[in-house]
């Protein structure tokens, strides 16, 4: 699709807002952004490479912002699983039906909002990091965003909030970088939509730094309620679009 100037402006504002949310919470903003890209009608082969490139920039800036808090061994175990998973899935990713992707992403969002999610005990560290890498590499090639279902594997009780944010950011850099390379290898360049890539990349950098500055001044309870509401509305939109598209092919 060729977006209009109005759509480019709207997506740029959305990019800033989602990066701000991730700058405050450490994850989730990317899920909203990829959901919006799907909601405006992009196919997975368009949305995922563009999203991966933008999120590579966004998470790189967040990694720099929290660099001294990063747990490097966790990122290493993550990469060990993410690299083979990404390139094994790559040849099949572009052919997936966009309506099924919308439906799957909606269900993943709803699952992340289920009561009791944050209270679940994490896996042992090494198993958690390897599982995160495997999920990021495999599912990430189809749905684009993995933070909401992979991020929980990095909520370690022994880590400070800053360690979780910084380590998550670095693993997302690895995951999105792998997707940029993998999609390029099968013929889908991230530079095919420069009119969107440039403004979105700039907006997510600004949003990340604004979110980091606001991190200490925002009520976690109020933020969590607003964040959940945004995710719920987006999931409803994706669920409707996905089911409508799937049902239309059966008639």
C-alpha atoms as a PDB file:
ATOM      1  CA  UNK A   1       0.000   0.000   0.000  1.00  0.00           C
ATOM      2  CA  UNK A   2       1.038   3.624  -0.622  1.00  0.00           C
ATOM      3  CA  UNK A   3       0.070   5.691   2.443  1.00  0.00           C
ATOM      4  CA  UNK A   4      -1.333   9.205   2.128  1.00  0.00           C
ATOM      5  CA  UNK A   5       0.404  12.174   3.810  1.00  0.00           C
ATOM      6  CA  UNK A   6      -2.337  12.182   6.461  1.00  0.00           C
ATOM      7  CA  UNK A   7      -1.738   8.499   7.236  1.00  0.00           C
ATOM      8  CA  UNK A   8       2.026   9.062   7.402  1.00  0.00           C
ATOM      9  CA  UNK A   9       1.471  11.898   9.894  1.00  0.00           C
ATOM     10  CA  UNK A  10      -0.926   9.782  11.971  1.00  0.00           C
ATOM     11  CA  UNK A  11       1.470   6.817  12.051  1.00  0.00           C
ATOM     12  CA  UNK A  12       4.361   9.114  13.013  1.00  0.00           C
ATOM     13  CA  UNK A  13       2.382  10.414  16.001  1.00  0.00           C
ATOM     14  CA  UNK A  14       1.465   6.826  16.841  1.00  0.00           C
ATOM     15  CA  UNK A  15       5.154   5.859  16.660  1.00  0.00           C
ATOM     16  CA  UNK A  16       6.053   8.545  19.187  1.00  0.00           C
ATOM     17  CA  UNK A  17       3.244   7.483  21.512  1.00  0.00           C
ATOM     18  CA  UNK A  18       4.071   3.784  21.421  1.00  0.00           C
ATOM     19  CA  UNK A  19       7.786   4.427  21.982  1.00  0.00           C
ATOM     20  CA  UNK A  20       6.868   6.665  24.928  1.00  0.00           C
ATOM     21  CA  UNK A  21       4.829   3.817  26.415  1.00  0.00           C
ATOM     22  CA  UNK A  22       7.730   1.401  25.994  1.00  0.00           C
ATOM     23  CA  UNK A  23      10.114   3.956  27.468  1.00  0.00           C
ATOM     24  CA  UNK A  24       7.958   4.047  30.596  1.00  0.00           C
ATOM     25  CA  UNK A  25       6.903   0.399  30.857  1.00  0.00           C
ATOM     26  CA  UNK A  26       9.741  -1.410  29.079  1.00  0.00           C
ATOM     27  CA  UNK A  27       7.463  -3.254  26.654  1.00  0.00           C
ATOM     28  CA  UNK A  28       4.070  -3.203  24.959  1.00  0.00           C
ATOM     29  CA  UNK A  29       4.406  -0.131  22.762  1.00  0.00           C
ATOM     30  CA  UNK A  30       5.663  -2.191  19.844  1.00  0.00           C
ATOM     31  CA  UNK A  31       2.623  -4.455  20.029  1.00  0.00           C
ATOM     32  CA  UNK A  32       0.384  -1.417  19.697  1.00  0.00           C
ATOM     33  CA  UNK A  33       2.388  -0.087  16.744  1.00  0.00           C
ATOM     34  CA  UNK A  34       2.363  -3.360  14.746  1.00  0.00           C
ATOM     35  CA  UNK A  35      -1.322  -3.712  15.571  1.00  0.00           C
ATOM     36  CA  UNK A  36      -1.962  -0.262  14.120  1.00  0.00           C
ATOM     37  CA  UNK A  37       0.012  -1.128  10.961  1.00  0.00           C
ATOM     38  CA  UNK A  38      -2.158  -4.206  10.499  1.00  0.00           C
ATOM     39  CA  UNK A  39      -5.300  -2.273  11.370  1.00  0.00           C
ATOM     40  CA  UNK A  40      -4.691   0.248   8.560  1.00  0.00           C
ATOM     41  CA  UNK A  41      -4.489  -2.589   6.058  1.00  0.00           C
ATOM     42  CA  UNK A  42      -0.827  -3.523   5.657  1.00  0.00           C
ATOM     43  CA  UNK A  43       0.024  -7.107   4.699  1.00  0.00           C
ATOM     44  CA  UNK A  44       2.548  -8.970   6.898  1.00  0.00           C
ATOM     45  CA  UNK A  45       5.250  -8.763   4.193  1.00  0.00           C
ATOM     46  CA  UNK A  46       4.870  -4.946   4.288  1.00  0.00           C
ATOM     47  CA  UNK A  47       4.232  -4.426   7.982  1.00  0.00           C
ATOM     48  CA  UNK A  48       6.803  -6.722   9.615  1.00  0.00           C
ATOM     49  CA  UNK A  49       9.974  -5.519   7.789  1.00  0.00           C
ATOM     50  CA  UNK A  50       8.958  -1.868   8.264  1.00  0.00           C
ATOM     51  CA  UNK A  51       8.082  -2.478  11.904  1.00  0.00           C
ATOM     52  CA  UNK A  52      11.319  -4.403  12.512  1.00  0.00           C
ATOM     53  CA  UNK A  53      13.425  -1.551  11.133  1.00  0.00           C
ATOM     54  CA  UNK A  54      11.578   1.070  13.190  1.00  0.00           C
ATOM     55  CA  UNK A  55      11.745  -1.010  16.360  1.00  0.00           C
ATOM     56  CA  UNK A  56      15.428  -1.688  15.762  1.00  0.00           C
ATOM     57  CA  UNK A  57      15.954   2.076  15.993  1.00  0.00           C
ATOM     58  CA  UNK A  58      13.595   2.456  18.954  1.00  0.00           C
ATOM     59  CA  UNK A  59      15.095  -0.375  20.987  1.00  0.00           C
ATOM     60  CA  UNK A  60      18.643   0.688  20.124  1.00  0.00           C
ATOM     61  CA  UNK A  61      17.951   4.089  21.655  1.00  0.00           C
ATOM     62  CA  UNK A  62      16.363   2.454  24.705  1.00  0.00           C
ATOM     63  CA  UNK A  63      19.323   0.070  25.042  1.00  0.00           C
ATOM     64  CA  UNK A  64      21.687   3.047  25.066  1.00  0.00           C
ATOM     65  CA  UNK A  65      19.507   4.804  27.633  1.00  0.00           C
ATOM     66  CA  UNK A  66      19.626   1.780  29.979  1.00  0.00           C
ATOM     67  CA  UNK A  67      22.967   0.306  28.886  1.00  0.00           C
ATOM     68  CA  UNK A  68      24.571   0.126  32.327  1.00  0.00           C
ATOM     69  CA  UNK A  69      21.639  -1.978  33.578  1.00  0.00           C
ATOM     70  CA  UNK A  70      21.743  -4.652  30.815  1.00  0.00           C
ATOM     71  CA  UNK A  71      22.182  -8.311  31.822  1.00  0.00           C
ATOM     72  CA  UNK A  72      24.463  -9.470  28.998  1.00  0.00           C
ATOM     73  CA  UNK A  73      24.401 -13.204  29.707  1.00  0.00           C
ATOM     74  CA  UNK A  74      20.620 -13.249  29.371  1.00  0.00           C
ATOM     75  CA  UNK A  75      20.887 -11.570  25.965  1.00  0.00           C
ATOM     76  CA  UNK A  76      23.473 -14.145  24.889  1.00  0.00           C
ATOM     77  CA  UNK A  77      21.233 -17.118  25.692  1.00  0.00           C
ATOM     78  CA  UNK A  78      18.350 -15.352  23.958  1.00  0.00           C
ATOM     79  CA  UNK A  79      20.400 -14.896  20.765  1.00  0.00           C
ATOM     80  CA  UNK A  80      21.501 -18.530  20.796  1.00  0.00           C
ATOM     81  CA  UNK A  81      17.880 -19.612  20.205  1.00  0.00           C
ATOM     82  CA  UNK A  82      16.659 -16.597  18.208  1.00  0.00           C
ATOM     83  CA  UNK A  83      19.191 -16.837  15.351  1.00  0.00           C
ATOM     84  CA  UNK A  84      18.336 -20.342  14.075  1.00  0.00           C
ATOM     85  CA  UNK A  85      14.593 -19.926  14.737  1.00  0.00           C
ATOM     86  CA  UNK A  86      14.413 -16.734  12.669  1.00  0.00           C
ATOM     87  CA  UNK A  87      16.150 -18.105   9.591  1.00  0.00           C
ATOM     88  CA  UNK A  88      14.323 -21.442   9.683  1.00  0.00           C
ATOM     89  CA  UNK A  89      10.968 -19.636   9.606  1.00  0.00           C
ATOM     90  CA  UNK A  90      11.945 -16.866   7.139  1.00  0.00           C
ATOM     91  CA  UNK A  91      11.116 -18.703   3.856  1.00  0.00           C
ATOM     92  CA  UNK A  92       7.486 -19.158   4.987  1.00  0.00           C
ATOM     93  CA  UNK A  93       6.810 -15.829   6.716  1.00  0.00           C
ATOM     94  CA  UNK A  94       5.829 -13.679   3.724  1.00  0.00           C
ATOM     95  CA  UNK A  95       3.184 -16.156   2.503  1.00  0.00           C
ATOM     96  CA  UNK A  96       1.111 -16.115   5.700  1.00  0.00           C
ATOM     97  CA  UNK A  97      -2.479 -14.822   5.492  1.00  0.00           C
ATOM     98  CA  UNK A  98      -2.761 -11.355   7.031  1.00  0.00           C
ATOM     99  CA  UNK A  99      -6.202 -12.045   8.512  1.00  0.00           C
ATOM    100  CA  UNK A 100      -4.852 -15.004  10.484  1.00  0.00           C
ATOM    101  CA  UNK A 101      -1.959 -12.853  11.700  1.00  0.00           C
ATOM    102  CA  UNK A 102      -4.429 -10.200  12.925  1.00  0.00           C
ATOM    103  CA  UNK A 103      -6.428 -12.870  14.719  1.00  0.00           C
ATOM    104  CA  UNK A 104      -3.345 -14.445  16.339  1.00  0.00           C
ATOM    105  CA  UNK A 105      -2.002 -11.061  17.442  1.00  0.00           C
ATOM    106  CA  UNK A 106      -5.386 -10.164  18.961  1.00  0.00           C
ATOM    107  CA  UNK A 107      -5.453 -13.436  20.898  1.00  0.00           C
ATOM    108  CA  UNK A 108      -1.876 -12.932  22.132  1.00  0.00           C
ATOM    109  CA  UNK A 109      -2.797  -9.445  23.371  1.00  0.00           C
ATOM    110  CA  UNK A 110      -5.895 -10.752  25.149  1.00  0.00           C
ATOM    111  CA  UNK A 111      -3.865 -13.583  26.710  1.00  0.00           C
ATOM    112  CA  UNK A 112      -1.351 -11.042  28.013  1.00  0.00           C
ATOM    113  CA  UNK A 113      -4.198  -9.172  29.732  1.00  0.00           C
ATOM    114  CA  UNK A 114      -5.576 -12.270  31.471  1.00  0.00           C
ATOM    115  CA  UNK A 115      -5.749 -11.960  35.278  1.00  0.00           C
ATOM    116  CA  UNK A 116      -2.814 -13.434  37.152  1.00  0.00           C
ATOM    117  CA  UNK A 117      -0.290 -13.150  34.335  1.00  0.00           C
ATOM    118  CA  UNK A 118       2.211 -11.062  36.274  1.00  0.00           C
ATOM    119  CA  UNK A 119       1.935 -13.316  39.319  1.00  0.00           C
ATOM    120  CA  UNK A 120       3.117 -16.461  37.551  1.00  0.00           C
ATOM    121  CA  UNK A 121       6.518 -17.725  38.596  1.00  0.00           C
ATOM    122  CA  UNK A 122       9.147 -17.362  35.873  1.00  0.00           C
ATOM    123  CA  UNK A 123      11.044 -20.280  34.370  1.00  0.00           C
ATOM    124  CA  UNK A 124      14.614 -20.884  35.565  1.00  0.00           C
ATOM    125  CA  UNK A 125      16.830 -18.154  34.070  1.00  0.00           C
ATOM    126  CA  UNK A 126      18.575 -20.058  31.254  1.00  0.00           C
ATOM    127  CA  UNK A 127      15.386 -21.860  30.171  1.00  0.00           C
ATOM    128  CA  UNK A 128      13.494 -18.563  30.186  1.00  0.00           C
ATOM    129  CA  UNK A 129      16.034 -16.795  27.979  1.00  0.00           C
ATOM    130  CA  UNK A 130      16.240 -19.676  25.482  1.00  0.00           C
ATOM    131  CA  UNK A 131      12.432 -19.911  25.323  1.00  0.00           C
ATOM    132  CA  UNK A 132      12.224 -16.165  24.755  1.00  0.00           C
ATOM    133  CA  UNK A 133      14.695 -16.399  21.881  1.00  0.00           C
ATOM    134  CA  UNK A 134      12.826 -19.289  20.282  1.00  0.00           C
ATOM    135  CA  UNK A 135       9.449 -17.506  20.487  1.00  0.00           C
ATOM    136  CA  UNK A 136      10.939 -14.222  19.282  1.00  0.00           C
ATOM    137  CA  UNK A 137      12.560 -15.862  16.271  1.00  0.00           C
ATOM    138  CA  UNK A 138       9.611 -18.041  15.258  1.00  0.00           C
ATOM    139  CA  UNK A 139       6.435 -16.093  16.088  1.00  0.00           C
ATOM    140  CA  UNK A 140       8.144 -12.727  15.588  1.00  0.00           C
ATOM    141  CA  UNK A 141       8.550 -13.358  11.862  1.00  0.00           C
ATOM    142  CA  UNK A 142       4.753 -13.587  11.550  1.00  0.00           C
ATOM    143  CA  UNK A 143       3.296 -11.168  14.110  1.00  0.00           C
ATOM    144  CA  UNK A 144       6.228  -8.705  14.280  1.00  0.00           C
ATOM    145  CA  UNK A 145       5.879  -7.740  17.941  1.00  0.00           C
ATOM    146  CA  UNK A 146       6.886 -10.170  20.679  1.00  0.00           C
ATOM    147  CA  UNK A 147       7.323  -7.993  23.765  1.00  0.00           C
ATOM    148  CA  UNK A 148       4.059  -8.836  25.513  1.00  0.00           C
ATOM    149  CA  UNK A 149       4.491 -12.607  25.468  1.00  0.00           C
ATOM    150  CA  UNK A 150       8.315 -12.808  25.476  1.00  0.00           C
ATOM    151  CA  UNK A 151       8.858  -9.906  27.882  1.00  0.00           C
ATOM    152  CA  UNK A 152       7.342 -11.756  30.831  1.00  0.00           C
ATOM    153  CA  UNK A 153      10.179 -14.270  30.650  1.00  0.00           C
ATOM    154  CA  UNK A 154      12.526 -11.416  31.609  1.00  0.00           C
ATOM    155  CA  UNK A 155      10.540 -10.315  34.663  1.00  0.00           C
ATOM    156  CA  UNK A 156      13.068 -11.742  37.076  1.00  0.00           C
ATOM    157  CA  UNK A 157      12.325 -11.199  40.788  1.00  0.00           C
ATOM    158  CA  UNK A 158      16.025 -10.541  41.422  1.00  0.00           C
ATOM    159  CA  UNK A 159      16.224  -7.791  38.761  1.00  0.00           C
ATOM    160  CA  UNK A 160      15.577  -4.096  39.193  1.00  0.00           C
ATOM    161  CA  UNK A 161      13.036  -2.503  36.848  1.00  0.00           C
ATOM    162  CA  UNK A 162      15.861  -0.802  34.928  1.00  0.00           C
ATOM    163  CA  UNK A 163      17.597  -4.152  34.348  1.00  0.00           C
ATOM    164  CA  UNK A 164      14.421  -5.612  32.884  1.00  0.00           C
ATOM    165  CA  UNK A 165      13.880  -2.615  30.583  1.00  0.00           C
ATOM    166  CA  UNK A 166      17.490  -2.512  29.386  1.00  0.00           C
ATOM    167  CA  UNK A 167      17.819  -6.262  28.841  1.00  0.00           C
ATOM    168  CA  UNK A 168      14.465  -6.469  27.079  1.00  0.00           C
ATOM    169  CA  UNK A 169      15.525  -3.605  24.828  1.00  0.00           C
ATOM    170  CA  UNK A 170      18.765  -5.343  23.854  1.00  0.00           C
ATOM    171  CA  UNK A 171      17.016  -8.642  23.108  1.00  0.00           C
ATOM    172  CA  UNK A 172      14.499  -6.772  20.958  1.00  0.00           C
ATOM    173  CA  UNK A 173      17.403  -5.144  19.079  1.00  0.00           C
ATOM    174  CA  UNK A 174      18.714  -8.633  18.374  1.00  0.00           C
ATOM    175  CA  UNK A 175      15.291  -9.965  17.348  1.00  0.00           C
ATOM    176  CA  UNK A 176      14.356  -7.057  15.088  1.00  0.00           C
ATOM    177  CA  UNK A 177      17.815  -6.950  13.554  1.00  0.00           C
ATOM    178  CA  UNK A 178      17.505 -10.631  12.672  1.00  0.00           C
ATOM    179  CA  UNK A 179      14.081 -10.002  11.101  1.00  0.00           C
ATOM    180  CA  UNK A 180      15.424  -7.143   8.981  1.00  0.00           C
ATOM    181  CA  UNK A 181      18.176  -9.438   7.667  1.00  0.00           C
ATOM    182  CA  UNK A 182      15.879 -12.453   7.221  1.00  0.00           C
ATOM    183  CA  UNK A 183      13.171 -10.545   5.341  1.00  0.00           C
ATOM    184  CA  UNK A 184      15.841  -8.962   3.157  1.00  0.00           C
ATOM    185  CA  UNK A 185      17.194 -12.415   2.351  1.00  0.00           C
ATOM    186  CA  UNK A 186      13.781 -13.504   1.029  1.00  0.00           C
ATOM    187  CA  UNK A 187      13.247 -10.333  -1.010  1.00  0.00           C
ATOM    188  CA  UNK A 188      11.503  -7.804   1.268  1.00  0.00           C
ATOM    189  CA  UNK A 189      13.688  -4.761   1.868  1.00  0.00           C
ATOM    190  CA  UNK A 190      13.076  -2.426   4.796  1.00  0.00           C
ATOM    191  CA  UNK A 191      13.838   0.477   2.445  1.00  0.00           C
ATOM    192  CA  UNK A 192      10.850  -0.198   0.198  1.00  0.00           C
ATOM    193  CA  UNK A 193       8.802   2.413   2.122  1.00  0.00           C
ATOM    194  CA  UNK A 194      11.231   5.274   2.863  1.00  0.00           C
ATOM    195  CA  UNK A 195       8.380   7.796   3.202  1.00  0.00           C
ATOM    196  CA  UNK A 196       7.249   5.887   6.292  1.00  0.00           C
ATOM    197  CA  UNK A 197      10.542   4.539   7.588  1.00  0.00           C
ATOM    198  CA  UNK A 198      12.218   7.928   8.088  1.00  0.00           C
ATOM    199  CA  UNK A 199       9.443   9.721  10.032  1.00  0.00           C
ATOM    200  CA  UNK A 200       8.639   6.646  12.108  1.00  0.00           C
ATOM    201  CA  UNK A 201      12.280   6.049  13.030  1.00  0.00           C
ATOM    202  CA  UNK A 202      12.703   9.666  14.142  1.00  0.00           C
ATOM    203  CA  UNK A 203       9.464   9.625  16.136  1.00  0.00           C
ATOM    204  CA  UNK A 204      10.302   6.454  18.080  1.00  0.00           C
ATOM    205  CA  UNK A 205      13.694   7.816  19.136  1.00  0.00           C
ATOM    206  CA  UNK A 206      12.016  10.958  20.468  1.00  0.00           C
ATOM    207  CA  UNK A 207       9.313   8.894  22.166  1.00  0.00           C
ATOM    208  CA  UNK A 208      11.833   6.589  23.843  1.00  0.00           C
ATOM    209  CA  UNK A 209      13.781   9.420  25.435  1.00  0.00           C
ATOM    210  CA  UNK A 210      10.597  11.218  26.479  1.00  0.00           C
ATOM    211  CA  UNK A 211       9.339   8.003  28.078  1.00  0.00           C
ATOM    212  CA  UNK A 212      12.582   7.477  29.992  1.00  0.00           C
ATOM    213  CA  UNK A 213      12.424  11.016  31.376  1.00  0.00           C
ATOM    214  CA  UNK A 214       8.793  10.497  32.420  1.00  0.00           C
ATOM    215  CA  UNK A 215       9.442   7.069  33.943  1.00  0.00           C
ATOM    216  CA  UNK A 216       9.882   8.265  37.525  1.00  0.00           C
ATOM    217  CA  UNK A 217       6.970  10.713  37.439  1.00  0.00           C
ATOM    218  CA  UNK A 218       4.062   8.536  36.291  1.00  0.00           C
ATOM    219  CA  UNK A 219       1.790   6.573  38.621  1.00  0.00           C
ATOM    220  CA  UNK A 220       2.253   2.892  37.804  1.00  0.00           C
ATOM    221  CA  UNK A 221      -1.363   2.075  38.716  1.00  0.00           C
ATOM    222  CA  UNK A 222      -2.859   4.761  36.438  1.00  0.00           C
ATOM    223  CA  UNK A 223      -0.434   3.911  33.661  1.00  0.00           C
ATOM    224  CA  UNK A 224      -1.261   0.193  33.847  1.00  0.00           C
ATOM    225  CA  UNK A 225      -5.002   0.877  33.552  1.00  0.00           C
ATOM    226  CA  UNK A 226      -4.574   3.174  30.543  1.00  0.00           C
ATOM    227  CA  UNK A 227      -2.160   0.766  28.887  1.00  0.00           C
ATOM    228  CA  UNK A 228      -4.547  -2.166  29.349  1.00  0.00           C
ATOM    229  CA  UNK A 229      -7.433  -0.158  27.898  1.00  0.00           C
ATOM    230  CA  UNK A 230      -5.429   0.742  24.779  1.00  0.00           C
ATOM    231  CA  UNK A 231      -4.414  -2.888  24.291  1.00  0.00           C
ATOM    232  CA  UNK A 232      -7.992  -4.087  24.789  1.00  0.00           C
ATOM    233  CA  UNK A 233      -9.371  -1.683  22.169  1.00  0.00           C
ATOM    234  CA  UNK A 234      -6.639  -2.617  19.713  1.00  0.00           C
ATOM    235  CA  UNK A 235      -7.238  -6.344  20.283  1.00  0.00           C
ATOM    236  CA  UNK A 236     -10.957  -5.847  19.615  1.00  0.00           C
ATOM    237  CA  UNK A 237     -10.194  -4.053  16.329  1.00  0.00           C
ATOM    238  CA  UNK A 238      -7.742  -6.753  15.204  1.00  0.00           C
ATOM    239  CA  UNK A 239     -10.103  -9.531  16.256  1.00  0.00           C
ATOM    240  CA  UNK A 240     -12.940  -7.991  14.254  1.00  0.00           C
ATOM    241  CA  UNK A 241     -10.783  -7.389  11.163  1.00  0.00           C
ATOM    242  CA  UNK A 242      -9.244 -10.868  11.298  1.00  0.00           C
ATOM    243  CA  UNK A 243     -12.516 -12.734  11.789  1.00  0.00           C
ATOM    244  CA  UNK A 244     -14.294 -10.655   9.143  1.00  0.00           C
ATOM    245  CA  UNK A 245     -11.555 -11.357   6.608  1.00  0.00           C
ATOM    246  CA  UNK A 246     -11.406 -15.074   7.391  1.00  0.00           C
ATOM    247  CA  UNK A 247     -15.184 -15.514   7.258  1.00  0.00           C
ATOM    248  CA  UNK A 248     -15.411 -13.640   3.965  1.00  0.00           C
ATOM    249  CA  UNK A 249     -13.156 -16.238   2.320  1.00  0.00           C
ATOM    250  CA  UNK A 250     -15.454 -19.035   3.452  1.00  0.00           C
ATOM    251  CA  UNK A 251     -18.567 -17.535   1.829  1.00  0.00           C
END
